[in-house]
Amino acid sequence: MTRGTRGMFRTKTVEQSIQDTEEPEHALKKSLSALDLTVFGVGVVIGTGIFVLTGKVAKQNAGPAVALAFVLAGIVCGLAALCYAEFAATVPVAGSAYTFSYATLGELPAWIIGWDLILELALGCAVVAVGWSGYIRSLLDNAGWHLPAVLSGPHGGTFGFDILACALVLALTVILVAGIKLSSRVTAVVVAVKVTVVLIVIVVGAFLINGDNYSPFIPPAQGTSGNNGLAAPLSQLIFGFTPSNFGVMGIFSAAAIVFFAFIGFDIVATAAEETRNPQHDVPRGILGSLAICTALYVGVSVVVTGMEKYSRLSTEAPLADAFKSRGQPFWAGLISFGAAIGLTTVCMILLLGQSRVFFAMSRDGLLPRFFSTVHPRFGTPYRSTILLGVVVAVVAGFTSIDVLAELVNIGTLFAFVVVALGVVILRRTRPDLPRAFRTPFVPAVPVLSVMASVWLMLNLPAETWLRFAAWMVLGVAVYFVYGRRHSRVGARDARDAS
């Protein structure tokens, strides 16, 4: 291996990563508990998916067996969560998968995963903000207040700026700058509201269930014609495999779709550096939030398929429409309210995770160090938070969600693969490290996590892979132009060699 190649794969030791968190100008304030982290996890995962995706997938892919699809997706996420928990407890540093990769795979792979996370979280936040804006406009319309079309975002190829989505992101940016504890308190209140709404829906819906709607629980399999060209799943183009709907295979196809309703629990790991007792609290936050969200998803899917025959569910707002069909307009309105409220925390926590990854990369010199200074009073990475908040606000104002959403999915799965591999590598290279939490059955669990994530990635359209590849190529170019030359780890290695 040449010297240049070694430079690209130089690692940053765990000790170096932890030492960097102690520099006064670059040290984040530690104020979070296990409960705060669990609230963050639930806050980012429970969004529109629980109100929309459950019924949509039941109608199109799995029928009442969508509940089993959520269990399968929860297992896949659980495998990744076990890997994240070990890493976050061992390396309690901001940056999540980026920091973990730097300690195991090297600088270039770490840069690639950090670049990937910036895209994933930025687009995710913009998409959520646009969705929130749609709910608010709907509520305003019901009240007789109508925003001008030019301020409602682009529609049907016409120009428009989504003023509500932009305003939401800017307001949340201010809250994040003001302090992580304030952010956690705001999140706790909003999460309490939307979880209460979900529980009310489950309890009230349970009294409206018709047992006949569960028959058949697993509908007979139906072949699908599949998509053509770049819109087809990559697995279809490579292997000639066309997914089927319903039947046993339909449950697996549904799991590949509903998996994306779980995206976000990994963001808990980005707050490890701001946790008072990260070795114990971060694993509890990651695994606890995932368990709660899985239970809520399964409960809602059982209710919605019991209230309304799966074949008659709407695909736009299936849960709300199911209550309307049973003569319960009040509960339908409550669902819409819960969805609108819930999206605010999803947006906030995506912004939180993105700013922490950007902060960690700038602290390492791979991005300008200017952005790694924390606020002297609030102890937050205010410069990176403000920069990213403004960028995401502009993107949310001018974008539509259709093209961008799947890039978020592939970015998350890519991070899952890297973290699972990193656990195996760090066990072999640094068996001496103290680990407050250990992933069980290594290497079996990480290997299963990699296989499950890759399988889900192959179910994404080929055009999503091409866009992802283009973003990665741009990221590699930025690394060689700026990051490699300004790397603090590279500077340390040069001093040691001289």
Protein backbone atom coordinates (compact mmCIF):
# COMPACT_ATOMS: atom_id res chain seq x y z
CA MET A 1 0.00 0.00 0.00
CA THR A 2 1.46 3.38 -1.02
CA ARG A 3 1.88 6.27 1.44
CA GLY A 4 -0.98 8.18 -0.22
CA THR A 5 -3.26 5.19 0.01
CA ARG A 6 -2.36 4.70 3.68
CA GLY A 7 -3.22 8.36 4.27
CA MET A 8 -6.72 7.86 2.92
CA PHE A 9 -7.30 4.94 5.29
CA ARG A 10 -5.63 6.37 8.39
CA THR A 11 -7.78 5.87 11.45
CA LYS A 12 -8.51 8.15 14.36
CA THR A 13 -8.16 6.24 17.60
CA VAL A 14 -10.99 6.10 20.10
CA GLU A 15 -8.73 7.86 22.59
CA GLN A 16 -8.11 10.71 20.14
CA SER A 17 -11.83 11.08 19.47
CA ILE A 18 -12.63 11.30 23.18
CA GLN A 19 -9.70 13.68 23.82
CA ASP A 20 -11.01 16.08 21.16
CA THR A 21 -14.33 16.36 23.02
CA GLU A 22 -12.47 17.90 25.98
CA GLU A 23 -11.20 20.98 24.13
CA PRO A 24 -13.09 23.92 25.71
CA GLU A 25 -13.97 25.69 22.45
CA HIS A 26 -15.16 22.44 20.83
CA ALA A 27 -16.79 20.66 23.78
CA LEU A 28 -20.54 20.09 23.74
CA LYS A 29 -22.54 20.52 26.93
CA LYS A 30 -23.52 17.25 28.64
CA SER A 31 -27.13 17.47 29.80
CA LEU A 32 -29.12 14.52 28.39
CA SER A 33 -30.42 11.43 30.19
CA ALA A 34 -31.64 8.05 28.96
CA LEU A 35 -35.21 9.38 29.05
CA ASP A 36 -34.22 12.38 26.91
CA LEU A 37 -32.62 10.07 24.34
CA THR A 38 -35.63 7.75 24.28
CA VAL A 39 -37.88 10.75 23.70
CA PHE A 40 -35.62 11.88 20.84
CA GLY A 41 -35.82 8.43 19.28
CA VAL A 42 -39.60 8.20 19.54
CA GLY A 43 -39.90 11.81 18.40
CA VAL A 44 -38.06 11.27 15.14
CA VAL A 45 -39.48 7.83 14.26
CA ILE A 46 -43.18 8.44 14.94
CA GLY A 47 -44.25 10.70 12.07
CA THR A 48 -46.58 10.48 9.12
CA GLY A 49 -45.64 6.84 8.60
CA ILE A 50 -47.84 5.66 11.45
CA PHE A 51 -50.83 7.59 10.08
CA VAL A 52 -50.36 6.88 6.37
CA LEU A 53 -47.98 4.00 5.67
CA THR A 54 -49.80 1.38 7.76
CA GLY A 55 -52.99 1.47 5.70
CA LYS A 56 -51.28 2.05 2.37
CA VAL A 57 -49.07 -1.03 2.67
CA ALA A 58 -51.97 -3.11 3.99
CA LYS A 59 -54.00 -2.32 0.89
CA GLN A 60 -51.24 -2.72 -1.68
CA ASN A 61 -48.84 -5.33 -0.29
CA ALA A 62 -49.75 -7.45 2.71
CA GLY A 63 -53.38 -7.09 3.87
CA PRO A 64 -53.91 -7.54 7.63
CA ALA A 65 -50.50 -9.26 7.77
CA VAL A 66 -48.93 -5.79 7.60
CA ALA A 67 -48.56 -6.16 11.37
CA LEU A 68 -46.08 -8.99 10.70
CA ALA A 69 -44.25 -6.76 8.21
CA PHE A 70 -43.74 -4.19 10.96
CA VAL A 71 -42.39 -6.91 13.24
CA LEU A 72 -39.92 -8.01 10.55
CA ALA A 73 -38.84 -4.43 9.88
CA GLY A 74 -38.42 -3.89 13.61
CA ILE A 75 -36.16 -6.96 13.78
CA VAL A 76 -34.00 -5.61 10.94
CA CYS A 77 -33.71 -2.27 12.72
CA GLY A 78 -33.06 -4.08 15.98
CA LEU A 79 -30.00 -5.80 14.48
CA ALA A 80 -28.63 -2.40 13.43
CA ALA A 81 -29.60 -0.88 16.80
CA LEU A 82 -27.53 -3.47 18.69
CA CYS A 83 -24.49 -2.48 16.61
CA TYR A 84 -25.13 1.24 17.11
CA ALA A 85 -25.53 0.70 20.85
CA GLU A 86 -22.08 -0.91 21.22
CA PHE A 87 -20.37 1.78 19.19
CA ALA A 88 -22.11 4.68 20.91
CA ALA A 89 -21.26 3.27 24.35
CA THR A 90 -17.63 2.66 23.36
CA VAL A 91 -17.06 5.90 21.41
CA PRO A 92 -19.41 8.49 23.02
CA VAL A 93 -18.59 11.20 20.51
CA ALA A 94 -20.81 13.30 18.23
CA GLY A 95 -21.04 12.12 14.64
CA SER A 96 -22.62 8.67 14.91
CA ALA A 97 -21.65 6.45 11.96
CA TYR A 98 -19.06 8.99 10.77
CA THR A 99 -17.14 8.83 14.05
CA PHE A 100 -17.46 5.04 14.23
CA SER A 101 -16.11 4.68 10.70
CA TYR A 102 -13.12 6.92 11.42
CA ALA A 103 -12.14 4.60 14.29
CA THR A 104 -12.38 1.42 12.21
CA LEU A 105 -12.40 1.81 8.42
CA GLY A 106 -10.30 4.95 8.02
CA GLU A 107 -10.54 8.59 6.97
CA LEU A 108 -11.86 8.27 3.42
CA PRO A 109 -14.64 5.79 4.35
CA ALA A 110 -15.49 8.03 7.32
CA TRP A 111 -15.72 11.04 5.04
CA ILE A 112 -17.96 9.13 2.64
CA ILE A 113 -20.35 8.08 5.40
CA GLY A 114 -20.35 11.60 6.88
CA TRP A 115 -21.09 13.07 3.46
CA ASP A 116 -23.85 10.51 3.08
CA LEU A 117 -25.37 11.39 6.46
CA ILE A 118 -25.38 15.11 5.64
CA LEU A 119 -27.40 14.38 2.49
CA GLU A 120 -29.70 11.93 4.26
CA LEU A 121 -30.55 14.21 7.17
CA ALA A 122 -30.79 17.42 5.14
CA LEU A 123 -33.17 15.93 2.59
CA GLY A 124 -35.08 14.10 5.30
CA CYS A 125 -35.64 17.33 7.21
CA ALA A 126 -36.70 19.18 4.04
CA VAL A 127 -39.14 16.41 3.07
CA VAL A 128 -40.67 16.34 6.56
CA ALA A 129 -41.01 20.14 6.62
CA VAL A 130 -42.87 20.05 3.28
CA GLY A 131 -45.17 17.32 4.62
CA TRP A 132 -45.84 19.35 7.77
CA SER A 133 -46.68 22.36 5.63
CA GLY A 134 -49.27 20.29 3.74
CA TYR A 135 -51.01 19.29 6.98
CA ILE A 136 -51.06 22.89 8.25
CA ARG A 137 -52.45 24.22 4.95
CA SER A 138 -55.17 21.58 5.14
CA LEU A 139 -56.09 22.65 8.67
CA LEU A 140 -56.08 26.32 7.58
CA ASP A 141 -58.31 25.49 4.62
CA ASN A 142 -60.78 23.82 6.95
CA ALA A 143 -60.84 27.03 9.00
CA GLY A 144 -61.48 29.12 5.89
CA TRP A 145 -57.96 30.58 5.65
CA HIS A 146 -56.16 30.03 2.34
CA LEU A 147 -52.52 30.75 1.59
CA PRO A 148 -51.74 32.20 -1.87
CA ALA A 149 -50.57 29.52 -4.31
CA VAL A 150 -47.22 31.25 -4.76
CA LEU A 151 -46.51 30.75 -1.02
CA SER A 152 -47.59 27.10 -0.97
CA GLY A 153 -44.60 25.57 -2.73
CA PRO A 154 -44.14 24.29 -6.30
CA HIS A 155 -47.11 22.35 -7.70
CA GLY A 156 -47.55 20.80 -11.13
CA GLY A 157 -44.47 22.46 -12.56
CA THR A 158 -45.53 25.95 -11.44
CA PHE A 159 -43.26 28.20 -9.38
CA GLY A 160 -43.95 28.56 -5.69
CA PHE A 161 -42.17 29.00 -2.37
CA ASP A 162 -43.36 26.99 0.63
CA ILE A 163 -43.30 29.71 3.26
CA LEU A 164 -44.61 27.43 6.03
CA ALA A 165 -41.93 24.75 5.53
CA CYS A 166 -39.21 27.41 5.47
CA ALA A 167 -40.54 29.11 8.60
CA LEU A 168 -40.72 25.81 10.50
CA VAL A 169 -37.07 24.95 9.80
CA LEU A 170 -35.88 28.44 10.79
CA ALA A 171 -37.88 28.36 14.04
CA LEU A 172 -36.49 24.93 14.96
CA THR A 173 -32.97 26.15 14.15
CA VAL A 174 -33.36 28.89 16.76
CA ILE A 175 -34.50 26.34 19.36
CA LEU A 176 -31.53 24.07 18.60
CA VAL A 177 -29.07 26.97 18.92
CA ALA A 178 -30.60 27.90 22.30
CA GLY A 179 -29.56 24.58 23.81
CA ILE A 180 -29.89 20.81 23.63
CA LYS A 181 -31.82 20.69 26.92
CA LEU A 182 -34.39 23.20 25.66
CA SER A 183 -34.66 21.11 22.49
CA SER A 184 -35.25 17.98 24.55
CA ARG A 185 -37.97 19.72 26.61
CA VAL A 186 -39.79 20.96 23.51
CA THR A 187 -39.47 17.49 22.01
CA ALA A 188 -40.77 15.85 25.19
CA VAL A 189 -43.93 17.96 25.17
CA VAL A 190 -44.65 17.35 21.48
CA VAL A 191 -43.84 13.62 21.72
CA ALA A 192 -46.20 13.31 24.69
CA VAL A 193 -48.97 14.88 22.60
CA LYS A 194 -48.52 12.69 19.55
CA VAL A 195 -48.00 9.44 21.48
CA THR A 196 -51.19 10.24 23.40
CA VAL A 197 -52.99 10.71 20.07
CA VAL A 198 -51.65 7.38 18.82
CA LEU A 199 -52.71 5.57 22.00
CA ILE A 200 -56.19 7.12 21.84
CA VAL A 201 -56.47 5.98 18.23
CA ILE A 202 -55.51 2.44 19.20
CA VAL A 203 -57.88 2.30 22.18
CA VAL A 204 -60.86 3.91 20.41
CA GLY A 205 -60.22 1.95 17.22
CA ALA A 206 -60.17 -1.30 19.16
CA PHE A 207 -63.90 -0.82 19.91
CA LEU A 208 -64.62 -0.32 16.20
CA ILE A 209 -62.94 -3.50 14.95
CA ASN A 210 -64.91 -5.97 12.85
CA GLY A 211 -63.29 -9.40 13.12
CA ASP A 212 -64.41 -10.35 9.59
CA ASN A 213 -61.98 -7.78 8.18
CA TYR A 214 -59.06 -9.97 9.29
CA SER A 215 -60.11 -12.80 6.97
CA PRO A 216 -57.95 -13.75 5.19
CA PHE A 217 -55.13 -12.55 7.45
CA ILE A 218 -52.58 -13.35 4.72
CA PRO A 219 -54.36 -12.76 1.37
CA PRO A 220 -53.47 -15.03 -1.59
CA ALA A 221 -50.33 -14.04 -3.46
CA GLN A 222 -50.65 -11.85 -6.55
CA GLY A 223 -47.95 -11.34 -9.14
CA THR A 224 -46.91 -7.79 -10.05
CA SER A 225 -45.91 -6.49 -13.45
CA GLY A 226 -43.06 -4.53 -11.91
CA ASN A 227 -41.59 -1.26 -13.08
CA ASN A 228 -39.49 -0.77 -16.19
CA GLY A 229 -36.15 0.90 -16.78
CA LEU A 230 -34.43 2.86 -14.02
CA ALA A 231 -37.67 3.04 -12.01
CA ALA A 232 -37.45 -0.70 -11.38
CA PRO A 233 -35.86 -2.05 -8.18
CA LEU A 234 -32.19 -2.85 -8.65
CA SER A 235 -32.84 -6.48 -7.68
CA GLN A 236 -35.27 -6.77 -10.57
CA LEU A 237 -32.70 -5.44 -13.06
CA ILE A 238 -29.87 -7.63 -11.75
CA PHE A 239 -31.65 -10.90 -11.01
CA GLY A 240 -34.85 -10.59 -13.05
CA PHE A 241 -36.74 -10.92 -9.77
CA THR A 242 -40.13 -9.21 -9.60
CA PRO A 243 -41.58 -8.76 -6.09
CA SER A 244 -45.06 -10.16 -5.44
CA ASN A 245 -47.89 -8.66 -3.44
CA PHE A 246 -49.74 -10.49 -0.66
CA GLY A 247 -48.97 -14.05 0.35
CA VAL A 248 -45.86 -14.79 2.41
CA MET A 249 -43.55 -12.97 -0.03
CA GLY A 250 -45.88 -9.99 0.13
CA ILE A 251 -45.10 -9.68 3.83
CA PHE A 252 -41.39 -9.43 3.01
CA SER A 253 -42.09 -6.89 0.26
CA ALA A 254 -44.15 -4.90 2.75
CA ALA A 255 -41.34 -5.09 5.31
CA ALA A 256 -38.99 -3.49 2.78
CA ILE A 257 -41.42 -0.58 2.53
CA VAL A 258 -42.43 -0.10 6.15
CA PHE A 259 -38.79 -0.31 7.23
CA PHE A 260 -38.51 3.31 6.21
CA ALA A 261 -41.06 4.27 8.84
CA PHE A 262 -38.38 3.38 11.42
CA ILE A 263 -35.70 5.65 9.98
CA GLY A 264 -34.30 7.98 12.61
CA PHE A 265 -33.62 5.88 15.70
CA ASP A 266 -29.91 5.96 14.79
CA ILE A 267 -29.90 9.73 15.34
CA VAL A 268 -29.91 9.00 19.08
CA ALA A 269 -26.26 8.01 18.64
CA THR A 270 -25.36 11.50 17.35
CA ALA A 271 -26.24 12.93 20.78
CA ALA A 272 -23.88 10.58 22.68
CA GLU A 273 -21.39 13.36 23.39
CA GLU A 274 -24.12 15.47 25.04
CA THR A 275 -25.25 12.65 27.34
CA ARG A 276 -24.33 12.63 31.02
CA ASN A 277 -23.72 8.86 31.17
CA PRO A 278 -23.39 7.78 27.53
CA GLN A 279 -22.03 4.29 28.22
CA HIS A 280 -25.33 3.23 29.78
CA ASP A 281 -27.88 5.82 28.64
CA VAL A 282 -27.25 5.73 24.86
CA PRO A 283 -27.91 1.96 24.46
CA ARG A 284 -31.05 2.36 26.58
CA GLY A 285 -32.20 5.31 24.47
CA ILE A 286 -31.60 3.52 21.15
CA LEU A 287 -33.15 0.18 22.07
CA GLY A 288 -35.94 1.68 24.19
CA SER A 289 -37.16 4.06 21.49
CA LEU A 290 -37.08 1.31 18.87
CA ALA A 291 -39.11 -1.05 21.07
CA ILE A 292 -41.74 1.62 21.81
CA CYS A 293 -42.08 2.60 18.15
CA THR A 294 -42.40 -1.02 16.99
CA ALA A 295 -45.20 -1.66 19.52
CA LEU A 296 -47.07 1.47 18.41
CA TYR A 297 -46.73 0.60 14.71
CA VAL A 298 -48.02 -2.94 15.24
CA GLY A 299 -50.92 -1.66 17.36
CA VAL A 300 -52.01 0.88 14.75
CA SER A 301 -51.73 -1.63 11.89
CA VAL A 302 -53.90 -4.14 13.76
CA VAL A 303 -56.53 -1.46 14.43
CA VAL A 304 -56.71 0.01 10.93
CA THR A 305 -57.03 -3.37 9.19
CA GLY A 306 -59.68 -4.41 11.72
CA MET A 307 -61.75 -1.25 11.30
CA GLU A 308 -61.82 -1.34 7.51
CA LYS A 309 -61.34 -4.15 4.99
CA TYR A 310 -57.79 -3.83 3.67
CA SER A 311 -58.99 -3.70 0.07
CA ARG A 312 -61.14 -0.63 0.82
CA LEU A 313 -58.49 1.41 2.66
CA SER A 314 -57.52 4.72 1.10
CA THR A 315 -53.86 5.36 0.29
CA GLU A 316 -53.77 9.08 1.16
CA ALA A 317 -54.99 9.13 4.77
CA PRO A 318 -56.10 5.55 5.49
CA LEU A 319 -56.32 5.80 9.27
CA ALA A 320 -58.30 9.06 9.30
CA ASP A 321 -60.56 7.80 6.50
CA ALA A 322 -61.16 4.53 8.37
CA PHE A 323 -62.55 6.52 11.31
CA LYS A 324 -64.66 8.62 8.94
CA SER A 325 -66.12 5.47 7.37
CA ARG A 326 -67.21 4.38 10.83
CA GLY A 327 -68.93 7.72 11.47
CA GLN A 328 -66.19 9.13 13.72
CA PRO A 329 -65.12 12.48 12.16
CA PHE A 330 -63.82 13.83 15.48
CA TRP A 331 -61.20 11.10 15.77
CA ALA A 332 -60.29 11.56 12.11
CA GLY A 333 -59.58 15.23 12.82
CA LEU A 334 -57.56 14.32 15.90
CA ILE A 335 -55.38 12.05 13.76
CA SER A 336 -54.63 14.90 11.33
CA PHE A 337 -53.78 17.15 14.28
CA GLY A 338 -51.48 14.50 15.77
CA ALA A 339 -49.69 14.04 12.45
CA ALA A 340 -49.08 17.79 12.06
CA ILE A 341 -47.81 18.14 15.64
CA GLY A 342 -45.67 15.02 15.37
CA LEU A 343 -43.79 16.20 12.30
CA THR A 344 -42.31 19.15 14.16
CA THR A 345 -40.19 16.85 16.35
CA VAL A 346 -39.17 14.72 13.38
CA CYS A 347 -37.88 17.84 11.65
CA MET A 348 -36.11 19.13 14.76
CA ILE A 349 -34.27 15.90 15.51
CA LEU A 350 -33.16 15.46 11.89
CA LEU A 351 -31.69 18.97 12.10
CA LEU A 352 -30.05 18.04 15.40
CA GLY A 353 -28.43 14.93 13.96
CA GLN A 354 -27.23 16.70 10.84
CA SER A 355 -25.60 19.56 12.74
CA ARG A 356 -23.76 17.09 15.03
CA VAL A 357 -22.33 15.14 12.08
CA PHE A 358 -21.24 18.38 10.40
CA PHE A 359 -19.75 19.57 13.71
CA ALA A 360 -17.76 16.36 14.17
CA MET A 361 -16.36 16.52 10.62
CA SER A 362 -15.36 20.17 11.03
CA ARG A 363 -13.71 19.43 14.39
CA ASP A 364 -11.57 16.85 12.60
CA GLY A 365 -10.61 19.43 9.95
CA LEU A 366 -12.34 17.61 7.09
CA LEU A 367 -14.71 20.60 6.87
CA PRO A 368 -13.73 24.17 7.87
CA ARG A 369 -12.88 24.34 11.60
CA PHE A 370 -14.84 27.58 11.82
CA PHE A 371 -18.00 25.49 12.18
CA SER A 372 -16.75 23.43 15.15
CA THR A 373 -16.82 26.26 17.70
CA VAL A 374 -19.55 25.92 20.31
CA HIS A 375 -21.63 28.79 21.69
CA PRO A 376 -20.00 30.17 24.88
CA ARG A 377 -23.34 30.33 26.70
CA PHE A 378 -25.51 27.56 25.23
CA GLY A 379 -22.78 24.99 24.56
CA THR A 380 -24.21 24.13 21.12
CA PRO A 381 -22.51 24.01 17.69
CA TYR A 382 -24.35 27.18 16.70
CA ARG A 383 -22.42 27.99 13.52
CA SER A 384 -23.03 24.65 11.87
CA THR A 385 -26.63 24.62 13.13
CA ILE A 386 -27.37 28.05 11.64
CA LEU A 387 -25.67 27.24 8.31
CA LEU A 388 -27.49 23.96 7.85
CA GLY A 389 -30.78 25.37 9.12
CA VAL A 390 -30.72 28.13 6.50
CA VAL A 391 -29.76 25.71 3.71
CA VAL A 392 -32.48 23.21 4.64
CA ALA A 393 -35.04 26.02 4.97
CA VAL A 394 -34.30 27.16 1.42
CA VAL A 395 -34.40 23.59 0.08
CA ALA A 396 -37.71 22.95 1.88
CA GLY A 397 -39.13 26.14 0.42
CA PHE A 398 -38.39 25.27 -3.19
CA THR A 399 -38.53 21.48 -3.33
CA SER A 400 -41.17 18.81 -3.82
CA ILE A 401 -40.85 15.56 -1.89
CA ASP A 402 -41.32 12.96 -4.62
CA VAL A 403 -37.78 12.73 -6.01
CA LEU A 404 -35.83 13.24 -2.80
CA ALA A 405 -37.44 10.86 -0.31
CA GLU A 406 -35.78 7.64 -1.52
CA LEU A 407 -32.30 9.18 -1.24
CA VAL A 408 -32.94 9.40 2.50
CA ASN A 409 -33.66 5.67 2.58
CA ILE A 410 -30.54 4.51 0.77
CA GLY A 411 -28.38 6.81 2.87
CA THR A 412 -29.68 5.33 6.11
CA LEU A 413 -29.19 1.74 4.96
CA PHE A 414 -25.65 2.52 3.82
CA ALA A 415 -24.91 3.84 7.32
CA PHE A 416 -26.34 0.65 8.84
CA VAL A 417 -23.97 -1.47 6.75
CA VAL A 418 -20.92 0.58 7.74
CA VAL A 419 -21.71 0.51 11.46
CA ALA A 420 -22.29 -3.27 11.47
CA LEU A 421 -18.97 -3.87 9.71
CA GLY A 422 -17.27 -1.44 12.10
CA VAL A 423 -18.35 -3.44 15.16
CA VAL A 424 -16.63 -6.57 13.83
CA ILE A 425 -13.48 -4.67 12.84
CA LEU A 426 -13.13 -2.85 16.19
CA ARG A 427 -13.63 -6.12 18.10
CA ARG A 428 -10.59 -7.51 16.26
CA THR A 429 -8.36 -4.42 16.21
CA ARG A 430 -9.14 -3.13 19.72
CA PRO A 431 -10.33 -6.03 21.89
CA ASP A 432 -8.92 -4.18 24.91
CA LEU A 433 -11.43 -1.31 24.76
CA PRO A 434 -13.91 -1.15 27.65
CA ARG A 435 -17.39 -1.79 26.32
CA ALA A 436 -20.31 -0.90 28.60
CA PHE A 437 -22.62 -2.51 26.05
CA ARG A 438 -21.63 -5.41 23.82
CA THR A 439 -23.53 -6.50 20.71
CA PRO A 440 -24.49 -10.15 21.32
CA PHE A 441 -23.44 -13.02 19.05
CA VAL A 442 -20.70 -11.20 17.13
CA PRO A 443 -20.08 -11.63 14.22
CA ALA A 444 -23.49 -13.26 13.55
CA VAL A 445 -25.63 -10.22 14.46
CA PRO A 446 -23.54 -7.69 12.46
CA VAL A 447 -23.45 -10.02 9.45
CA LEU A 448 -27.23 -10.47 9.58
CA SER A 449 -27.60 -6.69 9.86
CA VAL A 450 -25.45 -6.17 6.75
CA MET A 451 -27.37 -8.78 4.77
CA ALA A 452 -30.76 -7.36 5.77
CA SER A 453 -29.73 -3.78 4.95
CA VAL A 454 -28.25 -4.73 1.58
CA TRP A 455 -31.41 -6.68 0.71
CA LEU A 456 -33.54 -3.61 1.43
CA MET A 457 -31.16 -1.41 -0.59
CA LEU A 458 -31.57 -3.73 -3.57
CA ASN A 459 -35.32 -3.13 -3.41
CA LEU A 460 -34.81 0.58 -4.12
CA PRO A 461 -35.11 1.90 -7.72
CA ALA A 462 -31.99 1.92 -9.88
CA GLU A 463 -32.36 5.69 -10.43
CA THR A 464 -32.01 6.18 -6.66
CA TRP A 465 -28.71 4.31 -6.79
CA LEU A 466 -27.52 6.58 -9.63
CA ARG A 467 -28.38 9.76 -7.72
CA PHE A 468 -26.69 8.35 -4.63
CA ALA A 469 -23.58 7.48 -6.65
CA ALA A 470 -23.47 11.02 -8.09
CA TRP A 471 -23.58 12.52 -4.59
CA MET A 472 -20.81 10.17 -3.44
CA VAL A 473 -18.59 11.11 -6.41
CA LEU A 474 -19.04 14.78 -5.53
CA GLY A 475 -18.16 13.99 -1.92
CA VAL A 476 -14.94 12.20 -2.88
CA ALA A 477 -13.95 15.22 -4.99
CA VAL A 478 -14.53 17.57 -2.03
CA TYR A 479 -12.44 15.29 0.19
CA PHE A 480 -9.43 15.37 -2.12
CA VAL A 481 -9.72 19.11 -2.78
CA TYR A 482 -10.19 20.18 0.87
CA GLY A 483 -10.67 17.50 3.53
CA ARG A 484 -7.51 15.47 2.99
CA ARG A 485 -5.29 18.57 3.07
CA HIS A 486 -6.79 19.93 6.29
CA SER A 487 -7.22 16.69 8.22
CA ARG A 488 -6.08 17.04 11.85
CA VAL A 489 -5.31 13.32 12.00
CA GLY A 490 -3.14 13.74 8.90
CA ALA A 491 -1.34 16.68 10.52
CA ARG A 492 -0.67 14.58 13.65
CA ASP A 493 0.69 11.74 11.56
CA ALA A 494 2.98 14.17 9.71
CA ARG A 495 4.32 15.56 12.98
CA ASP A 496 4.94 12.06 14.33
CA ALA A 497 6.78 11.06 11.16
CA SER A 498 9.07 14.11 11.20
